[in-house]
Amino acid sequence: EEIQEVKNEGNLDGLFSSLDKIVEEAKDREEPAWRPSG
């Protein structure tokens, strides 16, 4: 119940699906993604 509440409050299902979309879009990219060094 607590885990489900955290998933609902954080909209984790929506975030997971948008992350999946980002990963799918990144597969077609030729250049690497930018990563900050700090």
PDB file of all heavy atoms in Angstrom:
ATOM      1  N   GLU A   1       0.830  -1.201   0.000  1.00  0.00           N
ATOM      2  CA  GLU A   1       0.000   0.000   0.000  1.00  0.00           C
ATOM      3  C   GLU A   1       0.871   1.260   0.000  1.00  0.00           C
ATOM      4  O   GLU A   1       0.601   2.207  -0.740  1.00  0.00           O
ATOM      5  CB  GLU A   1      -0.908  -0.014   1.226  1.00  0.00           C
ATOM      6  CG  GLU A   1      -1.892   1.129   1.296  1.00  0.00           C
ATOM      7  CD  GLU A   1      -2.767   1.024   2.546  1.00  0.00           C
ATOM      8  OE1 GLU A   1      -3.296  -0.064   2.815  1.00  0.00           O
ATOM      9  OE2 GLU A   1      -2.889   2.057   3.229  1.00  0.00           O
ATOM     10  N   GLU A   2       1.922   1.257   0.812  1.00  0.00           N
ATOM     11  CA  GLU A   2       2.835   2.402   0.864  1.00  0.00           C
ATOM     12  C   GLU A   2       3.539   2.604  -0.484  1.00  0.00           C
ATOM     13  O   GLU A   2       3.663   3.732  -0.964  1.00  0.00           O
ATOM     14  CB  GLU A   2       3.888   2.209   1.968  1.00  0.00           C
ATOM     15  CG  GLU A   2       3.373   2.449   3.358  1.00  0.00           C
ATOM     16  CD  GLU A   2       3.009   3.893   3.605  1.00  0.00           C
ATOM     17  OE1 GLU A   2       3.740   4.800   3.144  1.00  0.00           O
ATOM     18  OE2 GLU A   2       1.979   4.133   4.264  1.00  0.00           O
ATOM     19  N   ILE A   3       4.002   1.509  -1.066  1.00  0.00           N
ATOM     20  CA  ILE A   3       4.677   1.595  -2.370  1.00  0.00           C
ATOM     21  C   ILE A   3       3.710   2.129  -3.422  1.00  0.00           C
ATOM     22  O   ILE A   3       4.072   2.980  -4.246  1.00  0.00           O
ATOM     23  CB  ILE A   3       5.249   0.223  -2.799  1.00  0.00           C
ATOM     24  CG1 ILE A   3       6.323  -0.248  -1.828  1.00  0.00           C
ATOM     25  CG2 ILE A   3       5.772   0.265  -4.225  1.00  0.00           C
ATOM     26  CD1 ILE A   3       7.605   0.533  -1.860  1.00  0.00           C
ATOM     27  N   GLN A   4       2.479   1.651  -3.414  1.00  0.00           N
ATOM     28  CA  GLN A   4       1.479   2.119  -4.375  1.00  0.00           C
ATOM     29  C   GLN A   4       1.195   3.609  -4.172  1.00  0.00           C
ATOM     30  O   GLN A   4       1.046   4.353  -5.146  1.00  0.00           O
ATOM     31  CB  GLN A   4       0.184   1.302  -4.245  1.00  0.00           C
ATOM     32  CG  GLN A   4      -0.825   1.574  -5.331  1.00  0.00           C
ATOM     33  CD  GLN A   4      -0.278   1.264  -6.715  1.00  0.00           C
ATOM     34  OE1 GLN A   4       0.403   0.276  -6.932  1.00  0.00           O
ATOM     35  NE2 GLN A   4      -0.558   2.150  -7.652  1.00  0.00           N
ATOM     36  N   GLU A   5       1.159   4.037  -2.915  1.00  0.00           N
ATOM     37  CA  GLU A   5       0.933   5.446  -2.616  1.00  0.00           C
ATOM     38  C   GLU A   5       2.080   6.304  -3.150  1.00  0.00           C
ATOM     39  O   GLU A   5       1.865   7.371  -3.739  1.00  0.00           O
ATOM     40  CB  GLU A   5       0.813   5.625  -1.097  1.00  0.00           C
ATOM     41  CG  GLU A   5      -0.125   6.727  -0.681  1.00  0.00           C
ATOM     42  CD  GLU A   5      -0.353   6.714   0.815  1.00  0.00           C
ATOM     43  OE1 GLU A   5      -1.007   5.780   1.309  1.00  0.00           O
ATOM     44  OE2 GLU A   5       0.149   7.645   1.466  1.00  0.00           O
ATOM     45  N   VAL A   6       3.307   5.819  -2.958  1.00  0.00           N
ATOM     46  CA  VAL A   6       4.477   6.541  -3.471  1.00  0.00           C
ATOM     47  C   VAL A   6       4.415   6.594  -4.996  1.00  0.00           C
ATOM     48  O   VAL A   6       4.702   7.634  -5.609  1.00  0.00           O
ATOM     49  CB  VAL A   6       5.789   5.876  -2.982  1.00  0.00           C
ATOM     50  CG1 VAL A   6       6.989   6.402  -3.742  1.00  0.00           C
ATOM     51  CG2 VAL A   6       5.965   6.088  -1.494  1.00  0.00           C
ATOM     52  N   LYS A   7       4.040   5.482  -5.641  1.00  0.00           N
ATOM     53  CA  LYS A   7       3.930   5.458  -7.104  1.00  0.00           C
ATOM     54  C   LYS A   7       2.876   6.445  -7.582  1.00  0.00           C
ATOM     55  O   LYS A   7       3.080   7.143  -8.578  1.00  0.00           O
ATOM     56  CB  LYS A   7       3.578   4.043  -7.580  1.00  0.00           C
ATOM     57  CG  LYS A   7       4.749   3.091  -7.580  1.00  0.00           C
ATOM     58  CD  LYS A   7       4.350   1.673  -7.897  1.00  0.00           C
ATOM     59  CE  LYS A   7       3.838   1.492  -9.295  1.00  0.00           C
ATOM     60  NZ  LYS A   7       3.542   0.079  -9.608  1.00  0.00           N
ATOM     61  N   ASN A   8       1.756   6.515  -6.879  1.00  0.00           N
ATOM     62  CA  ASN A   8       0.681   7.424  -7.283  1.00  0.00           C
ATOM     63  C   ASN A   8       1.069   8.883  -7.051  1.00  0.00           C
ATOM     64  O   ASN A   8       0.826   9.735  -7.903  1.00  0.00           O
ATOM     65  CB  ASN A   8      -0.606   7.102  -6.540  1.00  0.00           C
ATOM     66  CG  ASN A   8      -1.188   5.764  -6.950  1.00  0.00           C
ATOM     67  OD1 ASN A   8      -0.847   5.224  -7.996  1.00  0.00           O
ATOM     68  ND2 ASN A   8      -2.049   5.217  -6.123  1.00  0.00           N
ATOM     69  N   GLU A   9       1.645   9.189  -5.892  1.00  0.00           N
ATOM     70  CA  GLU A   9       2.018  10.564  -5.583  1.00  0.00           C
ATOM     71  C   GLU A   9       3.114  11.071  -6.518  1.00  0.00           C
ATOM     72  O   GLU A   9       3.096  12.220  -6.937  1.00  0.00           O
ATOM     73  CB  GLU A   9       2.502  10.674  -4.134  1.00  0.00           C
ATOM     74  CG  GLU A   9       1.389  10.623  -3.122  1.00  0.00           C
ATOM     75  CD  GLU A   9       1.905  10.683  -1.682  1.00  0.00           C
ATOM     76  OE1 GLU A   9       3.107  10.944  -1.485  1.00  0.00           O
ATOM     77  OE2 GLU A   9       1.107  10.458  -0.777  1.00  0.00           O
ATOM     78  N   GLY A  10       4.066  10.213  -6.822  1.00  0.00           N
ATOM     79  CA  GLY A  10       5.166  10.614  -7.692  1.00  0.00           C
ATOM     80  C   GLY A  10       4.873  10.423  -9.160  1.00  0.00           C
ATOM     81  O   GLY A  10       5.732  10.711  -9.993  1.00  0.00           O
ATOM     82  N   ASN A  11       3.693   9.918  -9.493  1.00  0.00           N
ATOM     83  CA  ASN A  11       3.315   9.639 -10.872  1.00  0.00           C
ATOM     84  C   ASN A  11       4.397   8.791 -11.554  1.00  0.00           C
ATOM     85  O   ASN A  11       4.831   9.074 -12.669  1.00  0.00           O
ATOM     86  CB  ASN A  11       3.070  10.936 -11.635  1.00  0.00           C
ATOM     87  CG  ASN A  11       2.482  10.706 -12.996  1.00  0.00           C
ATOM     88  OD1 ASN A  11       1.834   9.681 -13.244  1.00  0.00           O
ATOM     89  ND2 ASN A  11       2.710  11.633 -13.903  1.00  0.00           N
ATOM     90  N   LEU A  12       4.842   7.745 -10.855  1.00  0.00           N
ATOM     91  CA  LEU A  12       5.943   6.925 -11.357  1.00  0.00           C
ATOM     92  C   LEU A  12       5.593   6.209 -12.656  1.00  0.00           C
ATOM     93  O   LEU A  12       6.449   6.072 -13.523  1.00  0.00           O
ATOM     94  CB  LEU A  12       6.380   5.912 -10.295  1.00  0.00           C
ATOM     95  CG  LEU A  12       7.073   6.499  -9.061  1.00  0.00           C
ATOM     96  CD1 LEU A  12       7.535   5.388  -8.142  1.00  0.00           C
ATOM     97  CD2 LEU A  12       8.236   7.362  -9.448  1.00  0.00           C
ATOM     98  N   ASP A  13       4.345   5.774 -12.797  1.00  0.00           N
ATOM     99  CA  ASP A  13       3.970   5.087 -14.042  1.00  0.00           C
ATOM    100  C   ASP A  13       4.123   6.025 -15.240  1.00  0.00           C
ATOM    101  O   ASP A  13       4.652   5.635 -16.284  1.00  0.00           O
ATOM    102  CB  ASP A  13       2.537   4.557 -13.947  1.00  0.00           C
ATOM    103  CG  ASP A  13       2.413   3.401 -12.971  1.00  0.00           C
ATOM    104  OD1 ASP A  13       3.419   2.668 -12.797  1.00  0.00           O
ATOM    105  OD2 ASP A  13       1.331   3.226 -12.385  1.00  0.00           O
ATOM    106  N   GLY A  14       3.671   7.267 -15.080  1.00  0.00           N
ATOM    107  CA  GLY A  14       3.820   8.247 -16.152  1.00  0.00           C
ATOM    108  C   GLY A  14       5.273   8.565 -16.427  1.00  0.00           C
ATOM    109  O   GLY A  14       5.696   8.700 -17.576  1.00  0.00           O
ATOM    110  N   LEU A  15       6.049   8.694 -15.357  1.00  0.00           N
ATOM    111  CA  LEU A  15       7.474   8.978 -15.518  1.00  0.00           C
ATOM    112  C   LEU A  15       8.195   7.811 -16.181  1.00  0.00           C
ATOM    113  O   LEU A  15       9.077   8.023 -17.029  1.00  0.00           O
ATOM    114  CB  LEU A  15       8.108   9.295 -14.165  1.00  0.00           C
ATOM    115  CG  LEU A  15       7.648  10.594 -13.501  1.00  0.00           C
ATOM    116  CD1 LEU A  15       8.250  10.726 -12.112  1.00  0.00           C
ATOM    117  CD2 LEU A  15       8.017  11.787 -14.350  1.00  0.00           C
ATOM    118  N   PHE A  16       7.828   6.594 -15.810  1.00  0.00           N
ATOM    119  CA  PHE A  16       8.443   5.420 -16.439  1.00  0.00           C
ATOM    120  C   PHE A  16       8.124   5.372 -17.924  1.00  0.00           C
ATOM    121  O   PHE A  16       8.995   5.083 -18.745  1.00  0.00           O
ATOM    122  CB  PHE A  16       7.992   4.128 -15.762  1.00  0.00           C
ATOM    123  CG  PHE A  16       8.635   3.861 -14.426  1.00  0.00           C
ATOM    124  CD1 PHE A  16       7.909   3.279 -13.409  1.00  0.00           C
ATOM    125  CD2 PHE A  16       9.955   4.173 -14.196  1.00  0.00           C
ATOM    126  CE1 PHE A  16       8.489   3.016 -12.170  1.00  0.00           C
ATOM    127  CE2 PHE A  16      10.552   3.913 -12.973  1.00  0.00           C
ATOM    128  CZ  PHE A  16       9.820   3.342 -11.954  1.00  0.00           C
ATOM    129  N   SER A  17       6.881   5.669 -18.275  1.00  0.00           N
ATOM    130  CA  SER A  17       6.514   5.622 -19.697  1.00  0.00           C
ATOM    131  C   SER A  17       7.217   6.735 -20.478  1.00  0.00           C
ATOM    132  O   SER A  17       7.665   6.517 -21.612  1.00  0.00           O
ATOM    133  CB  SER A  17       5.001   5.703 -19.873  1.00  0.00           C
ATOM    134  OG  SER A  17       4.513   6.936 -19.403  1.00  0.00           O
ATOM    135  N   SER A  18       7.335   7.926 -19.879  1.00  0.00           N
ATOM    136  CA  SER A  18       8.053   8.998 -20.589  1.00  0.00           C
ATOM    137  C   SER A  18       9.542   8.673 -20.701  1.00  0.00           C
ATOM    138  O   SER A  18      10.172   8.985 -21.714  1.00  0.00           O
ATOM    139  CB  SER A  18       7.851  10.344 -19.886  1.00  0.00           C
ATOM    140  OG  SER A  18       8.453  10.344 -18.616  1.00  0.00           O
ATOM    141  N   LEU A  19      10.086   8.001 -19.694  1.00  0.00           N
ATOM    142  CA  LEU A  19      11.476   7.563 -19.769  1.00  0.00           C
ATOM    143  C   LEU A  19      11.646   6.532 -20.879  1.00  0.00           C
ATOM    144  O   LEU A  19      12.632   6.568 -21.622  1.00  0.00           O
ATOM    145  CB  LEU A  19      11.925   6.983 -18.427  1.00  0.00           C
ATOM    146  CG  LEU A  19      13.359   6.517 -18.308  1.00  0.00           C
ATOM    147  CD1 LEU A  19      14.326   7.668 -18.578  1.00  0.00           C
ATOM    148  CD2 LEU A  19      13.618   5.927 -16.938  1.00  0.00           C
ATOM    149  N   ASP A  20      10.684   5.633 -21.018  1.00  0.00           N
ATOM    150  CA  ASP A  20      10.729   4.654 -22.112  1.00  0.00           C
ATOM    151  C   ASP A  20      10.707   5.357 -23.467  1.00  0.00           C
ATOM    152  O   ASP A  20      11.435   4.962 -24.392  1.00  0.00           O
ATOM    153  CB  ASP A  20       9.559   3.678 -22.010  1.00  0.00           C
ATOM    154  CG  ASP A  20       9.710   2.696 -20.858  1.00  0.00           C
ATOM    155  OD1 ASP A  20      10.858   2.486 -20.410  1.00  0.00           O
ATOM    156  OD2 ASP A  20       8.686   2.137 -20.417  1.00  0.00           O
ATOM    157  N   LYS A  21       9.881   6.401 -23.592  1.00  0.00           N
ATOM    158  CA  LYS A  21       9.822   7.149 -24.848  1.00  0.00           C
ATOM    159  C   LYS A  21      11.155   7.820 -25.150  1.00  0.00           C
ATOM    160  O   LYS A  21      11.626   7.810 -26.288  1.00  0.00           O
ATOM    161  CB  LYS A  21       8.722   8.211 -24.779  1.00  0.00           C
ATOM    162  CG  LYS A  21       7.326   7.652 -24.847  1.00  0.00           C
ATOM    163  CD  LYS A  21       6.301   8.747 -24.743  1.00  0.00           C
ATOM    164  CE  LYS A  21       4.907   8.178 -24.639  1.00  0.00           C
ATOM    165  NZ  LYS A  21       3.915   9.241 -24.397  1.00  0.00           N
ATOM    166  N   ILE A  22      11.772   8.393 -24.122  1.00  0.00           N
ATOM    167  CA  ILE A  22      13.068   9.058 -24.306  1.00  0.00           C
ATOM    168  C   ILE A  22      14.115   8.052 -24.757  1.00  0.00           C
ATOM    169  O   ILE A  22      14.917   8.326 -25.657  1.00  0.00           O
ATOM    170  CB  ILE A  22      13.503   9.761 -23.006  1.00  0.00           C
ATOM    171  CG1 ILE A  22      12.596  10.959 -22.733  1.00  0.00           C
ATOM    172  CG2 ILE A  22      14.957  10.194 -23.073  1.00  0.00           C
ATOM    173  CD1 ILE A  22      12.787  11.582 -21.368  1.00  0.00           C
ATOM    174  N   VAL A  23      14.093   6.880 -24.148  1.00  0.00           N
ATOM    175  CA  VAL A  23      15.056   5.838 -24.521  1.00  0.00           C
ATOM    176  C   VAL A  23      14.830   5.408 -25.961  1.00  0.00           C
ATOM    177  O   VAL A  23      15.785   5.216 -26.726  1.00  0.00           O
ATOM    178  CB  VAL A  23      14.960   4.634 -23.548  1.00  0.00           C
ATOM    179  CG1 VAL A  23      15.710   3.440 -24.065  1.00  0.00           C
ATOM    180  CG2 VAL A  23      15.474   5.027 -22.176  1.00  0.00           C
ATOM    181  N   GLU A  24      13.574   5.257 -26.368  1.00  0.00           N
ATOM    182  CA  GLU A  24      13.270   4.869 -27.744  1.00  0.00           C
ATOM    183  C   GLU A  24      13.745   5.925 -28.734  1.00  0.00           C
ATOM    184  O   GLU A  24      14.286   5.608 -29.783  1.00  0.00           O
ATOM    185  CB  GLU A  24      11.762   4.627 -27.914  1.00  0.00           C
ATOM    186  CG  GLU A  24      11.277   3.332 -27.323  1.00  0.00           C
ATOM    187  CD  GLU A  24      11.931   2.112 -27.960  1.00  0.00           C
ATOM    188  OE1 GLU A  24      12.077   2.078 -29.189  1.00  0.00           O
ATOM    189  OE2 GLU A  24      12.290   1.200 -27.206  1.00  0.00           O
ATOM    190  N   GLU A  25      13.529   7.203 -28.397  1.00  0.00           N
ATOM    191  CA  GLU A  25      13.958   8.274 -29.284  1.00  0.00           C
ATOM    192  C   GLU A  25      15.479   8.339 -29.368  1.00  0.00           C
ATOM    193  O   GLU A  25      16.035   8.677 -30.412  1.00  0.00           O
ATOM    194  CB  GLU A  25      13.412   9.613 -28.789  1.00  0.00           C
ATOM    195  CG  GLU A  25      11.912   9.750 -28.964  1.00  0.00           C
ATOM    196  CD  GLU A  25      11.355  10.991 -28.284  1.00  0.00           C
ATOM    197  OE1 GLU A  25      12.146  11.757 -27.686  1.00  0.00           O
ATOM    198  OE2 GLU A  25      10.135  11.190 -28.344  1.00  0.00           O
ATOM    199  N   ALA A  26      16.148   8.028 -28.274  1.00  0.00           N
ATOM    200  CA  ALA A  26      17.608   8.114 -28.240  1.00  0.00           C
ATOM    201  C   ALA A  26      18.268   6.998 -29.038  1.00  0.00           C
ATOM    202  O   ALA A  26      19.426   7.127 -29.424  1.00  0.00           O
ATOM    203  CB  ALA A  26      18.092   8.082 -26.792  1.00  0.00           C
ATOM    204  N   LYS A  27      17.550   5.927 -29.303  1.00  0.00           N
ATOM    205  CA  LYS A  27      18.131   4.822 -30.069  1.00  0.00           C
ATOM    206  C   LYS A  27      18.500   5.258 -31.486  1.00  0.00           C
ATOM    207  O   LYS A  27      19.450   4.752 -32.068  1.00  0.00           O
ATOM    208  CB  LYS A  27      17.164   3.638 -30.134  1.00  0.00           C
ATOM    209  CG  LYS A  27      17.075   2.870 -28.838  1.00  0.00           C
ATOM    210  CD  LYS A  27      16.131   1.705 -28.962  1.00  0.00           C
ATOM    211  CE  LYS A  27      16.035   0.951 -27.652  1.00  0.00           C
ATOM    212  NZ  LYS A  27      15.081  -0.144 -27.721  1.00  0.00           N
ATOM    213  N   ASP A  28      17.747   6.192 -32.054  1.00  0.00           N
ATOM    214  CA  ASP A  28      17.985   6.640 -33.427  1.00  0.00           C
ATOM    215  C   ASP A  28      19.065   7.718 -33.516  1.00  0.00           C
ATOM    216  O   ASP A  28      19.508   8.062 -34.603  1.00  0.00           O
ATOM    217  CB  ASP A  28      16.680   7.175 -34.027  1.00  0.00           C
ATOM    218  CG  ASP A  28      15.620   6.090 -34.120  1.00  0.00           C
ATOM    219  OD1 ASP A  28      15.997   4.909 -34.192  1.00  0.00           O
ATOM    220  OD2 ASP A  28      14.421   6.427 -34.107  1.00  0.00           O
ATOM    221  N   ARG A  29      19.468   8.267 -32.397  1.00  0.00           N
ATOM    222  CA  ARG A  29      20.475   9.326 -32.400  1.00  0.00           C
ATOM    223  C   ARG A  29      21.843   8.781 -32.731  1.00  0.00           C
ATOM    224  O   ARG A  29      22.216   7.713 -32.296  1.00  0.00           O
ATOM    225  CB  ARG A  29      20.560   9.973 -31.020  1.00  0.00           C
ATOM    226  CG  ARG A  29      19.652  11.122 -30.867  1.00  0.00           C
ATOM    227  CD  ARG A  29      20.089  11.937 -29.703  1.00  0.00           C
ATOM    228  NE  ARG A  29      19.200  13.064 -29.581  1.00  0.00           N
ATOM    229  CZ  ARG A  29      18.989  13.692 -28.474  1.00  0.00           C
ATOM    230  NH1 ARG A  29      19.598  13.329 -27.388  1.00  0.00           N
ATOM    231  NH2 ARG A  29      18.173  14.708 -28.442  1.00  0.00           N
ATOM    232  N   GLU A  30      22.578   9.577 -33.480  1.00  0.00           N
ATOM    233  CA  GLU A  30      23.929   9.179 -33.852  1.00  0.00           C
ATOM    234  C   GLU A  30      24.962   9.721 -32.876  1.00  0.00           C
ATOM    235  O   GLU A  30      25.947   9.066 -32.585  1.00  0.00           O
ATOM    236  CB  GLU A  30      24.240   9.676 -35.265  1.00  0.00           C
ATOM    237  CG  GLU A  30      23.388   8.992 -36.310  1.00  0.00           C
ATOM    238  CD  GLU A  30      23.646   9.533 -37.693  1.00  0.00           C
ATOM    239  OE1 GLU A  30      24.621  10.290 -37.867  1.00  0.00           O
ATOM    240  OE2 GLU A  30      22.876   9.188 -38.598  1.00  0.00           O
ATOM    241  N   GLU A  31      24.734  10.935 -32.388  1.00  0.00           N
ATOM    242  CA  GLU A  31      25.709  11.522 -31.477  1.00  0.00           C
ATOM    243  C   GLU A  31      25.355  11.172 -30.035  1.00  0.00           C
ATOM    244  O   GLU A  31      24.189  11.021 -29.695  1.00  0.00           O
ATOM    245  CB  GLU A  31      25.776  13.036 -31.666  1.00  0.00           C
ATOM    246  CG  GLU A  31      24.439  13.733 -31.445  1.00  0.00           C
ATOM    247  CD  GLU A  31      24.503  15.197 -31.810  1.00  0.00           C
ATOM    248  OE1 GLU A  31      24.930  15.497 -32.930  1.00  0.00           O
ATOM    249  OE2 GLU A  31      24.102  16.020 -30.975  1.00  0.00           O
ATOM    250  N   PRO A  32      26.367  11.042 -29.185  1.00  0.00           N
ATOM    251  CA  PRO A  32      26.093  10.652 -27.798  1.00  0.00           C
ATOM    252  C   PRO A  32      25.415  11.775 -27.030  1.00  0.00           C
ATOM    253  O   PRO A  32      25.537  12.948 -27.375  1.00  0.00           O
ATOM    254  CB  PRO A  32      27.489  10.377 -27.220  1.00  0.00           C
ATOM    255  CG  PRO A  32      28.408  11.170 -28.078  1.00  0.00           C
ATOM    256  CD  PRO A  32      27.785  11.206 -29.445  1.00  0.00           C
ATOM    257  N   ALA A  33      24.701  11.383 -25.995  1.00  0.00           N
ATOM    258  CA  ALA A  33      24.012  12.358 -25.161  1.00  0.00           C
ATOM    259  C   ALA A  33      25.029  13.141 -24.337  1.00  0.00           C
ATOM    260  O   ALA A  33      26.076  12.626 -23.963  1.00  0.00           O
ATOM    261  CB  ALA A  33      23.020  11.655 -24.239  1.00  0.00           C
ATOM    262  N   TRP A  34      24.696  14.383 -24.042  1.00  0.00           N
ATOM    263  CA  TRP A  34      25.578  15.221 -23.257  1.00  0.00           C
ATOM    264  C   TRP A  34      25.437  14.862 -21.789  1.00  0.00           C
ATOM    265  O   TRP A  34      24.336  14.683 -21.279  1.00  0.00           O
ATOM    266  CB  TRP A  34      25.221  16.678 -23.494  1.00  0.00           C
ATOM    267  CG  TRP A  34      26.074  17.623 -22.712  1.00  0.00           C
ATOM    268  CD1 TRP A  34      27.338  17.981 -23.010  1.00  0.00           C
ATOM    269  CD2 TRP A  34      25.721  18.315 -21.516  1.00  0.00           C
ATOM    270  NE1 TRP A  34      27.810  18.864 -22.077  1.00  0.00           N
ATOM    271  CE2 TRP A  34      26.836  19.086 -21.141  1.00  0.00           C
ATOM    272  CE3 TRP A  34      24.590  18.358 -20.723  1.00  0.00           C
ATOM    273  CZ2 TRP A  34      26.845  19.888 -20.012  1.00  0.00           C
ATOM    274  CZ3 TRP A  34      24.597  19.157 -19.607  1.00  0.00           C
ATOM    275  CH2 TRP A  34      25.716  19.914 -19.267  1.00  0.00           C
ATOM    276  N   ARG A  35      26.552  14.746 -21.114  1.00  0.00           N
ATOM    277  CA  ARG A  35      26.568  14.452 -19.686  1.00  0.00           C
ATOM    278  C   ARG A  35      27.412  15.508 -18.980  1.00  0.00           C
ATOM    279  O   ARG A  35      28.560  15.737 -19.363  1.00  0.00           O
ATOM    280  CB  ARG A  35      27.188  13.074 -19.405  1.00  0.00           C
ATOM    281  CG  ARG A  35      26.483  11.928 -20.057  1.00  0.00           C
ATOM    282  CD  ARG A  35      25.230  11.557 -19.243  1.00  0.00           C
ATOM    283  NE  ARG A  35      24.630  10.346 -19.708  1.00  0.00           N
ATOM    284  CZ  ARG A  35      23.641  10.285 -20.558  1.00  0.00           C
ATOM    285  NH1 ARG A  35      23.134  11.357 -21.056  1.00  0.00           N
ATOM    286  NH2 ARG A  35      23.127   9.121 -20.923  1.00  0.00           N
ATOM    287  N   PRO A  36      26.882  16.153 -17.940  1.00  0.00           N
ATOM    288  CA  PRO A  36      27.674  17.158 -17.228  1.00  0.00           C
ATOM    289  C   PRO A  36      28.790  16.505 -16.417  1.00  0.00           C
ATOM    290  O   PRO A  36      28.631  15.416 -15.895  1.00  0.00           O
ATOM    291  CB  PRO A  36      26.653  17.830 -16.311  1.00  0.00           C
ATOM    292  CG  PRO A  36      25.571  16.830 -16.135  1.00  0.00           C
ATOM    293  CD  PRO A  36      25.536  16.017 -17.409  1.00  0.00           C
ATOM    294  N   SER A  37      29.924  17.211 -16.334  1.00  0.00           N
ATOM    295  CA  SER A  37      31.061  16.675 -15.587  1.00  0.00           C
ATOM    296  C   SER A  37      31.055  17.169 -14.147  1.00  0.00           C
ATOM    297  O   SER A  37      31.753  16.621 -13.311  1.00  0.00           O
ATOM    298  CB  SER A  37      32.364  17.103 -16.266  1.00  0.00           C
ATOM    299  OG  SER A  37      32.525  18.507 -16.154  1.00  0.00           O
ATOM    300  N   GLY A  38      30.294  18.220 -13.874  1.00  0.00           N
ATOM    301  CA  GLY A  38      30.290  18.802 -12.540  1.00  0.00           C
ATOM    302  C   GLY A  38      31.166  20.036 -12.452  1.00  0.00           C
ATOM    303  O   GLY A  38      31.149  20.758 -11.469  1.00  0.00           O
TER     304      GLY A  38
END
